[in-house]
Amino acid sequence: MESNFFKYYRKRGFGLTLEILAELNSEAEESIFFQALKEKGSYLNEYYRVKKELLNQGLIKYRLNEDYDKVIMLTQKGRNVHEKIKEIEEILAQPVEK
């Protein structure tokens, strides 16, 4: 039985979205976020494949800024998940004990 986390995490856009938003201080105008995706060599489709799941799980949300531009935000829950992923990556990067 596959856990929900791995079902979502296996999709490339999932971790990448969390990573990019964390790098952008947890929020960015949609156009800036899309540019950051492009700079990472990713396609918008990778984000759109996981957008609904990220929203439904409460990991990201949208709001309008004062200029009525769409802003993508990493929620506290999203920041927590991103931190846990980084912790797991650090554990896996440790040398193997013999």
PDB file of N, CA and C in Angstrom:
ATOM      1  N   MET A   1       0.840  -1.185   0.000  1.00  0.00           N
ATOM      2  CA  MET A   1       0.000   0.000   0.000  1.00  0.00           C
ATOM      3  C   MET A   1       0.886   1.250   0.000  1.00  0.00           C
ATOM      4  N   GLU A   2       0.649   2.114  -0.946  1.00  0.00           N
ATOM      5  CA  GLU A   2       1.454   3.316  -1.088  1.00  0.00           C
ATOM      6  C   GLU A   2       0.872   4.444  -0.224  1.00  0.00           C
ATOM      7  N   SER A   3       1.760   5.150   0.468  1.00  0.00           N
ATOM      8  CA  SER A   3       1.305   6.260   1.300  1.00  0.00           C
ATOM      9  C   SER A   3       0.943   7.455   0.424  1.00  0.00           C
ATOM     10  N   ASN A   4       0.105   8.332   0.951  1.00  0.00           N
ATOM     11  CA  ASN A   4      -0.274   9.538   0.216  1.00  0.00           C
ATOM     12  C   ASN A   4       0.943  10.386  -0.109  1.00  0.00           C
ATOM     13  N   PHE A   5       1.866  10.486   0.833  1.00  0.00           N
ATOM     14  CA  PHE A   5       3.042  11.314   0.611  1.00  0.00           C
ATOM     15  C   PHE A   5       3.790  10.873  -0.642  1.00  0.00           C
ATOM     16  N   PHE A   6       4.072   9.583  -0.755  1.00  0.00           N
ATOM     17  CA  PHE A   6       4.837   9.101  -1.898  1.00  0.00           C
ATOM     18  C   PHE A   6       4.051   9.199  -3.192  1.00  0.00           C
ATOM     19  N   LYS A   7       2.740   9.065  -3.110  1.00  0.00           N
ATOM     20  CA  LYS A   7       1.912   9.229  -4.301  1.00  0.00           C
ATOM     21  C   LYS A   7       2.081  10.644  -4.855  1.00  0.00           C
ATOM     22  N   TYR A   8       2.114  11.638  -3.979  1.00  0.00           N
ATOM     23  CA  TYR A   8       2.285  13.026  -4.405  1.00  0.00           C
ATOM     24  C   TYR A   8       3.745  13.328  -4.738  1.00  0.00           C
ATOM     25  N   TYR A   9       4.651  12.881  -3.892  1.00  0.00           N
ATOM     26  CA  TYR A   9       6.064  13.238  -4.023  1.00  0.00           C
ATOM     27  C   TYR A   9       6.684  12.719  -5.305  1.00  0.00           C
ATOM     28  N   ARG A  10       6.200  11.584  -5.807  1.00  0.00           N
ATOM     29  CA  ARG A  10       6.758  11.012  -7.028  1.00  0.00           C
ATOM     30  C   ARG A  10       6.560  11.910  -8.242  1.00  0.00           C
ATOM     31  N   LYS A  11       5.561  12.757  -8.199  1.00  0.00           N
ATOM     32  CA  LYS A  11       5.322  13.675  -9.308  1.00  0.00           C
ATOM     33  C   LYS A  11       6.318  14.822  -9.211  1.00  0.00           C
ATOM     34  N   ARG A  12       7.059  15.057 -10.271  1.00  0.00           N
ATOM     35  CA  ARG A  12       8.166  16.017 -10.268  1.00  0.00           C
ATOM     36  C   ARG A  12       7.761  17.398  -9.774  1.00  0.00           C
ATOM     37  N   GLY A  13       6.654  17.894 -10.145  1.00  0.00           N
ATOM     38  CA  GLY A  13       6.266  19.245  -9.770  1.00  0.00           C
ATOM     39  C   GLY A  13       6.023  19.442  -8.285  1.00  0.00           C
ATOM     40  N   PHE A  14       5.765  18.373  -7.554  1.00  0.00           N
ATOM     41  CA  PHE A  14       5.441  18.476  -6.135  1.00  0.00           C
ATOM     42  C   PHE A  14       6.601  19.069  -5.334  1.00  0.00           C
ATOM     43  N   GLY A  15       7.701  18.372  -5.304  1.00  0.00           N
ATOM     44  CA  GLY A  15       8.852  18.841  -4.539  1.00  0.00           C
ATOM     45  C   GLY A  15       9.436  20.124  -5.100  1.00  0.00           C
ATOM     46  N   LEU A  16       9.410  20.242  -6.415  1.00  0.00           N
ATOM     47  CA  LEU A  16       9.958  21.425  -7.068  1.00  0.00           C
ATOM     48  C   LEU A  16       9.170  22.678  -6.702  1.00  0.00           C
ATOM     49  N   THR A  17       7.857  22.578  -6.646  1.00  0.00           N
ATOM     50  CA  THR A  17       7.026  23.721  -6.260  1.00  0.00           C
ATOM     51  C   THR A  17       7.352  24.160  -4.846  1.00  0.00           C
ATOM     52  N   LEU A  18       7.428  23.219  -3.924  1.00  0.00           N
ATOM     53  CA  LEU A  18       7.755  23.559  -2.541  1.00  0.00           C
ATOM     54  C   LEU A  18       9.137  24.198  -2.452  1.00  0.00           C
ATOM     55  N   GLU A  19      10.095  23.640  -3.187  1.00  0.00           N
ATOM     56  CA  GLU A  19      11.466  24.151  -3.168  1.00  0.00           C
ATOM     57  C   GLU A  19      11.534  25.582  -3.701  1.00  0.00           C
ATOM     58  N   ILE A  20      10.904  25.815  -4.841  1.00  0.00           N
ATOM     59  CA  ILE A  20      10.952  27.144  -5.448  1.00  0.00           C
ATOM     60  C   ILE A  20      10.282  28.175  -4.548  1.00  0.00           C
ATOM     61  N   LEU A  21       9.119  27.849  -4.017  1.00  0.00           N
ATOM     62  CA  LEU A  21       8.443  28.811  -3.138  1.00  0.00           C
ATOM     63  C   LEU A  21       9.259  29.086  -1.886  1.00  0.00           C
ATOM     64  N   ALA A  22       9.908  28.064  -1.350  1.00  0.00           N
ATOM     65  CA  ALA A  22      10.761  28.273  -0.173  1.00  0.00           C
ATOM     66  C   ALA A  22      11.918  29.208  -0.527  1.00  0.00           C
ATOM     67  N   GLU A  23      12.495  29.040  -1.712  1.00  0.00           N
ATOM     68  CA  GLU A  23      13.587  29.911  -2.157  1.00  0.00           C
ATOM     69  C   GLU A  23      13.120  31.348  -2.382  1.00  0.00           C
ATOM     70  N   LEU A  24      11.828  31.519  -2.699  1.00  0.00           N
ATOM     71  CA  LEU A  24      11.263  32.841  -2.960  1.00  0.00           C
ATOM     72  C   LEU A  24      10.581  33.414  -1.714  1.00  0.00           C
ATOM     73  N   ASN A  25      11.072  33.057  -0.539  1.00  0.00           N
ATOM     74  CA  ASN A  25      10.524  33.550   0.733  1.00  0.00           C
ATOM     75  C   ASN A  25       9.053  33.208   0.920  1.00  0.00           C
ATOM     76  N   SER A  26       8.683  32.026   0.493  1.00  0.00           N
ATOM     77  CA  SER A  26       7.366  31.429   0.701  1.00  0.00           C
ATOM     78  C   SER A  26       6.230  31.997  -0.133  1.00  0.00           C
ATOM     79  N   GLU A  27       6.503  32.981  -0.968  1.00  0.00           N
ATOM     80  CA  GLU A  27       5.452  33.455  -1.859  1.00  0.00           C
ATOM     81  C   GLU A  27       6.046  34.211  -3.039  1.00  0.00           C
ATOM     82  N   ALA A  28       5.283  34.219  -4.140  1.00  0.00           N
ATOM     83  CA  ALA A  28       5.734  34.925  -5.334  1.00  0.00           C
ATOM     84  C   ALA A  28       4.542  35.171  -6.241  1.00  0.00           C
ATOM     85  N   GLU A  29       4.622  36.275  -6.982  1.00  0.00           N
ATOM     86  CA  GLU A  29       3.626  36.484  -8.019  1.00  0.00           C
ATOM     87  C   GLU A  29       3.714  35.308  -8.978  1.00  0.00           C
ATOM     88  N   GLU A  30       2.591  34.942  -9.542  1.00  0.00           N
ATOM     89  CA  GLU A  30       2.540  33.768 -10.404  1.00  0.00           C
ATOM     90  C   GLU A  30       3.564  33.860 -11.541  1.00  0.00           C
ATOM     91  N   SER A  31       3.724  35.035 -12.154  1.00  0.00           N
ATOM     92  CA  SER A  31       4.667  35.183 -13.265  1.00  0.00           C
ATOM     93  C   SER A  31       6.106  34.958 -12.812  1.00  0.00           C
ATOM     94  N   ILE A  32       6.448  35.405 -11.610  1.00  0.00           N
ATOM     95  CA  ILE A  32       7.796  35.193 -11.071  1.00  0.00           C
ATOM     96  C   ILE A  32       8.016  33.716 -10.765  1.00  0.00           C
ATOM     97  N   PHE A  33       7.003  33.076 -10.197  1.00  0.00           N
ATOM     98  CA  PHE A  33       7.076  31.643  -9.913  1.00  0.00           C
ATOM     99  C   PHE A  33       7.281  30.856 -11.209  1.00  0.00           C
ATOM    100  N   PHE A  34       6.516  31.199 -12.243  1.00  0.00           N
ATOM    101  CA  PHE A  34       6.645  30.500 -13.520  1.00  0.00           C
ATOM    102  C   PHE A  34       8.024  30.706 -14.127  1.00  0.00           C
ATOM    103  N   GLN A  35       8.581  31.889 -13.982  1.00  0.00           N
ATOM    104  CA  GLN A  35       9.937  32.154 -14.478  1.00  0.00           C
ATOM    105  C   GLN A  35      10.960  31.304 -13.714  1.00  0.00           C
ATOM    106  N   ALA A  36      10.772  31.174 -12.396  1.00  0.00           N
ATOM    107  CA  ALA A  36      11.678  30.350 -11.589  1.00  0.00           C
ATOM    108  C   ALA A  36      11.590  28.883 -12.018  1.00  0.00           C
ATOM    109  N   LEU A  37      10.387  28.415 -12.337  1.00  0.00           N
ATOM    110  CA  LEU A  37      10.228  27.054 -12.852  1.00  0.00           C
ATOM    111  C   LEU A  37      11.044  26.876 -14.130  1.00  0.00           C
ATOM    112  N   LYS A  38      10.919  27.842 -15.019  1.00  0.00           N
ATOM    113  CA  LYS A  38      11.629  27.786 -16.292  1.00  0.00           C
ATOM    114  C   LYS A  38      13.135  27.769 -16.075  1.00  0.00           C
ATOM    115  N   GLU A  39      13.623  28.599 -15.147  1.00  0.00           N
ATOM    116  CA  GLU A  39      15.059  28.651 -14.864  1.00  0.00           C
ATOM    117  C   GLU A  39      15.584  27.340 -14.292  1.00  0.00           C
ATOM    118  N   LYS A  40      14.724  26.579 -13.641  1.00  0.00           N
ATOM    119  CA  LYS A  40      15.125  25.274 -13.092  1.00  0.00           C
ATOM    120  C   LYS A  40      15.015  24.166 -14.143  1.00  0.00           C
ATOM    121  N   GLY A  41      14.655  24.543 -15.371  1.00  0.00           N
ATOM    122  CA  GLY A  41      14.546  23.554 -16.438  1.00  0.00           C
ATOM    123  C   GLY A  41      13.258  22.761 -16.380  1.00  0.00           C
ATOM    124  N   SER A  42      12.246  23.316 -15.758  1.00  0.00           N
ATOM    125  CA  SER A  42      10.977  22.634 -15.598  1.00  0.00           C
ATOM    126  C   SER A  42       9.938  23.249 -16.532  1.00  0.00           C
ATOM    127  N   TYR A  43       8.883  22.520 -16.760  1.00  0.00           N
ATOM    128  CA  TYR A  43       7.794  22.978 -17.597  1.00  0.00           C
ATOM    129  C   TYR A  43       6.586  23.298 -16.717  1.00  0.00           C
ATOM    130  N   LEU A  44       5.739  24.196 -17.189  1.00  0.00           N
ATOM    131  CA  LEU A  44       4.531  24.543 -16.440  1.00  0.00           C
ATOM    132  C   LEU A  44       3.649  23.325 -16.194  1.00  0.00           C
ATOM    133  N   ASN A  45       3.648  22.387 -17.141  1.00  0.00           N
ATOM    134  CA  ASN A  45       2.826  21.188 -16.980  1.00  0.00           C
ATOM    135  C   ASN A  45       3.180  20.428 -15.709  1.00  0.00           C
ATOM    136  N   GLU A  46       4.447  20.440 -15.331  1.00  0.00           N
ATOM    137  CA  GLU A  46       4.851  19.737 -14.116  1.00  0.00           C
ATOM    138  C   GLU A  46       4.180  20.356 -12.897  1.00  0.00           C
ATOM    139  N   TYR A  47       4.041  21.666 -12.889  1.00  0.00           N
ATOM    140  CA  TYR A  47       3.332  22.338 -11.797  1.00  0.00           C
ATOM    141  C   TYR A  47       1.839  22.045 -11.873  1.00  0.00           C
ATOM    142  N   TYR A  48       1.270  22.165 -13.067  1.00  0.00           N
ATOM    143  CA  TYR A  48      -0.173  21.977 -13.205  1.00  0.00           C
ATOM    144  C   TYR A  48      -0.610  20.550 -12.885  1.00  0.00           C
ATOM    145  N   ARG A  49       0.285  19.576 -13.035  1.00  0.00           N
ATOM    146  CA  ARG A  49      -0.049  18.193 -12.677  1.00  0.00           C
ATOM    147  C   ARG A  49      -0.287  18.020 -11.182  1.00  0.00           C
ATOM    148  N   VAL A  50       0.357  18.855 -10.369  1.00  0.00           N
ATOM    149  CA  VAL A  50       0.260  18.694  -8.912  1.00  0.00           C
ATOM    150  C   VAL A  50      -0.458  19.856  -8.218  1.00  0.00           C
ATOM    151  N   LYS A  51      -0.816  20.870  -8.967  1.00  0.00           N
ATOM    152  CA  LYS A  51      -1.431  22.069  -8.382  1.00  0.00           C
ATOM    153  C   LYS A  51      -2.656  21.722  -7.537  1.00  0.00           C
ATOM    154  N   LYS A  52      -3.556  20.937  -8.076  1.00  0.00           N
ATOM    155  CA  LYS A  52      -4.795  20.590  -7.360  1.00  0.00           C
ATOM    156  C   LYS A  52      -4.490  19.859  -6.054  1.00  0.00           C
ATOM    157  N   GLU A  53      -3.557  18.913  -6.092  1.00  0.00           N
ATOM    158  CA  GLU A  53      -3.204  18.175  -4.883  1.00  0.00           C
ATOM    159  C   GLU A  53      -2.553  19.083  -3.843  1.00  0.00           C
ATOM    160  N   LEU A  54      -1.672  19.984  -4.294  1.00  0.00           N
ATOM    161  CA  LEU A  54      -1.031  20.922  -3.368  1.00  0.00           C
ATOM    162  C   LEU A  54      -2.063  21.831  -2.709  1.00  0.00           C
ATOM    163  N   LEU A  55      -3.038  22.281  -3.483  1.00  0.00           N
ATOM    164  CA  LEU A  55      -4.107  23.116  -2.931  1.00  0.00           C
ATOM    165  C   LEU A  55      -4.999  22.315  -1.989  1.00  0.00           C
ATOM    166  N   ASN A  56      -5.414  21.125  -2.422  1.00  0.00           N
ATOM    167  CA  ASN A  56      -6.310  20.302  -1.600  1.00  0.00           C
ATOM    168  C   ASN A  56      -5.662  19.872  -0.287  1.00  0.00           C
ATOM    169  N   GLN A  57      -4.359  19.647  -0.308  1.00  0.00           N
ATOM    170  CA  GLN A  57      -3.649  19.261   0.911  1.00  0.00           C
ATOM    171  C   GLN A  57      -3.293  20.469   1.774  1.00  0.00           C
ATOM    172  N   GLY A  58      -3.545  21.663   1.279  1.00  0.00           N
ATOM    173  CA  GLY A  58      -3.262  22.869   2.054  1.00  0.00           C
ATOM    174  C   GLY A  58      -1.784  23.214   2.118  1.00  0.00           C
ATOM    175  N   LEU A  59      -1.020  22.797   1.105  1.00  0.00           N
ATOM    176  CA  LEU A  59       0.414  23.082   1.095  1.00  0.00           C
ATOM    177  C   LEU A  59       0.721  24.414   0.423  1.00  0.00           C
ATOM    178  N   ILE A  60      -0.135  24.811  -0.509  1.00  0.00           N
ATOM    179  CA  ILE A  60      -0.020  26.122  -1.142  1.00  0.00           C
ATOM    180  C   ILE A  60      -1.400  26.766  -1.142  1.00  0.00           C
ATOM    181  N   LYS A  61      -1.421  28.069  -1.372  1.00  0.00           N
ATOM    182  CA  LYS A  61      -2.681  28.766  -1.575  1.00  0.00           C
ATOM    183  C   LYS A  61      -2.407  29.984  -2.439  1.00  0.00           C
ATOM    184  N   TYR A  62      -3.476  30.567  -2.932  1.00  0.00           N
ATOM    185  CA  TYR A  62      -3.389  31.756  -3.765  1.00  0.00           C
ATOM    186  C   TYR A  62      -4.019  32.936  -3.045  1.00  0.00           C
ATOM    187  N   ARG A  63      -3.548  34.123  -3.391  1.00  0.00           N
ATOM    188  CA  ARG A  63      -4.173  35.362  -2.955  1.00  0.00           C
ATOM    189  C   ARG A  63      -3.893  36.402  -4.025  1.00  0.00           C
ATOM    190  N   LEU A  64      -4.567  37.527  -3.929  1.00  0.00           N
ATOM    191  CA  LEU A  64      -4.294  38.648  -4.827  1.00  0.00           C
ATOM    192  C   LEU A  64      -3.500  39.691  -4.066  1.00  0.00           C
ATOM    193  N   ASN A  65      -2.491  40.258  -4.724  1.00  0.00           N
ATOM    194  CA  ASN A  65      -1.741  41.325  -4.067  1.00  0.00           C
ATOM    195  C   ASN A  65      -2.460  42.664  -4.307  1.00  0.00           C
ATOM    196  N   GLU A  66      -1.843  43.741  -3.856  1.00  0.00           N
ATOM    197  CA  GLU A  66      -2.484  45.055  -3.963  1.00  0.00           C
ATOM    198  C   GLU A  66      -2.702  45.493  -5.410  1.00  0.00           C
ATOM    199  N   ASP A  67      -1.947  44.922  -6.350  1.00  0.00           N
ATOM    200  CA  ASP A  67      -2.131  45.226  -7.774  1.00  0.00           C
ATOM    201  C   ASP A  67      -3.039  44.212  -8.458  1.00  0.00           C
ATOM    202  N   TYR A  68      -3.672  43.351  -7.666  1.00  0.00           N
ATOM    203  CA  TYR A  68      -4.574  42.300  -8.149  1.00  0.00           C
ATOM    204  C   TYR A  68      -3.865  41.252  -9.007  1.00  0.00           C
ATOM    205  N   ASP A  69      -2.582  41.065  -8.738  1.00  0.00           N
ATOM    206  CA  ASP A  69      -1.840  39.981  -9.376  1.00  0.00           C
ATOM    207  C   ASP A  69      -1.979  38.738  -8.511  1.00  0.00           C
ATOM    208  N   LYS A  70      -2.070  37.573  -9.153  1.00  0.00           N
ATOM    209  CA  LYS A  70      -2.143  36.318  -8.409  1.00  0.00           C
ATOM    210  C   LYS A  70      -0.801  36.025  -7.756  1.00  0.00           C
ATOM    211  N   VAL A  71      -0.841  35.670  -6.480  1.00  0.00           N
ATOM    212  CA  VAL A  71       0.356  35.331  -5.727  1.00  0.00           C
ATOM    213  C   VAL A  71       0.200  33.901  -5.216  1.00  0.00           C
ATOM    214  N   ILE A  72       1.209  33.075  -5.462  1.00  0.00           N
ATOM    215  CA  ILE A  72       1.228  31.702  -4.953  1.00  0.00           C
ATOM    216  C   ILE A  72       1.980  31.732  -3.635  1.00  0.00           C
ATOM    217  N   MET A  73       1.390  31.135  -2.613  1.00  0.00           N
ATOM    218  CA  MET A  73       1.990  31.147  -1.284  1.00  0.00           C
ATOM    219  C   MET A  73       2.193  29.732  -0.770  1.00  0.00           C
ATOM    220  N   LEU A  74       3.290  29.538  -0.086  1.00  0.00           N
ATOM    221  CA  LEU A  74       3.557  28.303   0.629  1.00  0.00           C
ATOM    222  C   LEU A  74       2.941  28.463   2.016  1.00  0.00           C
ATOM    223  N   THR A  75       2.033  27.588   2.389  1.00  0.00           N
ATOM    224  CA  THR A  75       1.393  27.682   3.706  1.00  0.00           C
ATOM    225  C   THR A  75       2.345  27.179   4.784  1.00  0.00           C
ATOM    226  N   GLN A  76       1.956  27.338   6.031  1.00  0.00           N
ATOM    227  CA  GLN A  76       2.772  26.808   7.130  1.00  0.00           C
ATOM    228  C   GLN A  76       2.907  25.292   6.997  1.00  0.00           C
ATOM    229  N   LYS A  77       1.819  24.643   6.640  1.00  0.00           N
ATOM    230  CA  LYS A  77       1.857  23.188   6.427  1.00  0.00           C
ATOM    231  C   LYS A  77       2.831  22.851   5.301  1.00  0.00           C
ATOM    232  N   GLY A  78       2.831  23.640   4.236  1.00  0.00           N
ATOM    233  CA  GLY A  78       3.759  23.440   3.121  1.00  0.00           C
ATOM    234  C   GLY A  78       5.199  23.645   3.547  1.00  0.00           C
ATOM    235  N   ARG A  79       5.435  24.662   4.388  1.00  0.00           N
ATOM    236  CA  ARG A  79       6.797  24.893   4.895  1.00  0.00           C
ATOM    237  C   ARG A  79       7.246  23.714   5.752  1.00  0.00           C
ATOM    238  N   ASN A  80       6.337  23.188   6.568  1.00  0.00           N
ATOM    239  CA  ASN A  80       6.668  22.031   7.410  1.00  0.00           C
ATOM    240  C   ASN A  80       7.039  20.816   6.562  1.00  0.00           C
ATOM    241  N   VAL A  81       6.254  20.543   5.524  1.00  0.00           N
ATOM    242  CA  VAL A  81       6.545  19.407   4.644  1.00  0.00           C
ATOM    243  C   VAL A  81       7.886  19.616   3.946  1.00  0.00           C
ATOM    244  N   HIS A  82       8.143  20.830   3.473  1.00  0.00           N
ATOM    245  CA  HIS A  82       9.414  21.131   2.811  1.00  0.00           C
ATOM    246  C   HIS A  82      10.582  20.899   3.764  1.00  0.00           C
ATOM    247  N   GLU A  83      10.459  21.324   5.007  1.00  0.00           N
ATOM    248  CA  GLU A  83      11.523  21.119   6.000  1.00  0.00           C
ATOM    249  C   GLU A  83      11.762  19.631   6.248  1.00  0.00           C
ATOM    250  N   LYS A  84      10.693  18.853   6.338  1.00  0.00           N
ATOM    251  CA  LYS A  84      10.830  17.405   6.551  1.00  0.00           C
ATOM    252  C   LYS A  84      11.537  16.745   5.370  1.00  0.00           C
ATOM    253  N   ILE A  85      11.213  17.176   4.166  1.00  0.00           N
ATOM    254  CA  ILE A  85      11.884  16.635   2.976  1.00  0.00           C
ATOM    255  C   ILE A  85      13.369  16.955   3.031  1.00  0.00           C
ATOM    256  N   LYS A  86      13.721  18.190   3.410  1.00  0.00           N
ATOM    257  CA  LYS A  86      15.134  18.561   3.532  1.00  0.00           C
ATOM    258  C   LYS A  86      15.827  17.717   4.594  1.00  0.00           C
ATOM    259  N   GLU A  87      15.149  17.447   5.720  1.00  0.00           N
ATOM    260  CA  GLU A  87      15.737  16.612   6.775  1.00  0.00           C
ATOM    261  C   GLU A  87      16.009  15.208   6.251  1.00  0.00           C
ATOM    262  N   ILE A  88      15.074  14.650   5.511  1.00  0.00           N
ATOM    263  CA  ILE A  88      15.245  13.306   4.950  1.00  0.00           C
ATOM    264  C   ILE A  88      16.417  13.296   3.976  1.00  0.00           C
ATOM    265  N   GLU A  89      16.516  14.331   3.126  1.00  0.00           N
ATOM    266  CA  GLU A  89      17.630  14.421   2.176  1.00  0.00           C
ATOM    267  C   GLU A  89      18.974  14.479   2.912  1.00  0.00           C
ATOM    268  N   GLU A  90      19.026  15.206   4.024  1.00  0.00           N
ATOM    269  CA  GLU A  90      20.262  15.291   4.814  1.00  0.00           C
ATOM    270  C   GLU A  90      20.624  13.937   5.418  1.00  0.00           C
ATOM    271  N   ILE A  91      19.637  13.217   5.897  1.00  0.00           N
ATOM    272  CA  ILE A  91      19.883  11.883   6.454  1.00  0.00           C
ATOM    273  C   ILE A  91      20.437  10.959   5.373  1.00  0.00           C
ATOM    274  N   LEU A  92      19.823  11.000   4.190  1.00  0.00           N
ATOM    275  CA  LEU A  92      20.269  10.131   3.107  1.00  0.00           C
ATOM    276  C   LEU A  92      21.657  10.503   2.596  1.00  0.00           C
ATOM    277  N   ALA A  93      22.055  11.746   2.764  1.00  0.00           N
ATOM    278  CA  ALA A  93      23.370  12.195   2.305  1.00  0.00           C
ATOM    279  C   ALA A  93      24.491  11.809   3.271  1.00  0.00           C
ATOM    280  N   GLN A  94      24.144  11.366   4.470  1.00  0.00           N
ATOM    281  CA  GLN A  94      25.170  10.986   5.441  1.00  0.00           C
ATOM    282  C   GLN A  94      25.878   9.714   4.977  1.00  0.00           C
ATOM    283  N   PRO A  95      27.161   9.610   5.308  1.00  0.00           N
ATOM    284  CA  PRO A  95      27.905   8.407   4.913  1.00  0.00           C
ATOM    285  C   PRO A  95      27.332   7.156   5.583  1.00  0.00           C
ATOM    286  N   VAL A  96      27.494   6.068   4.901  1.00  0.00           N
ATOM    287  CA  VAL A  96      27.019   4.780   5.416  1.00  0.00           C
ATOM    288  C   VAL A  96      27.948   4.316   6.522  1.00  0.00           C
ATOM    289  N   GLU A  97      27.356   3.912   7.643  1.00  0.00           N
ATOM    290  CA  GLU A  97      28.148   3.397   8.750  1.00  0.00           C
ATOM    291  C   GLU A  97      28.523   1.950   8.454  1.00  0.00           C
ATOM    292  N   LYS A  98      29.780   1.608   8.753  1.00  0.00           N
ATOM    293  CA  LYS A  98      30.237   0.226   8.485  1.00  0.00           C
ATOM    294  C   LYS A  98      30.499  -0.514   9.753  1.00  0.00           C
TER     295      LYS A  98
END
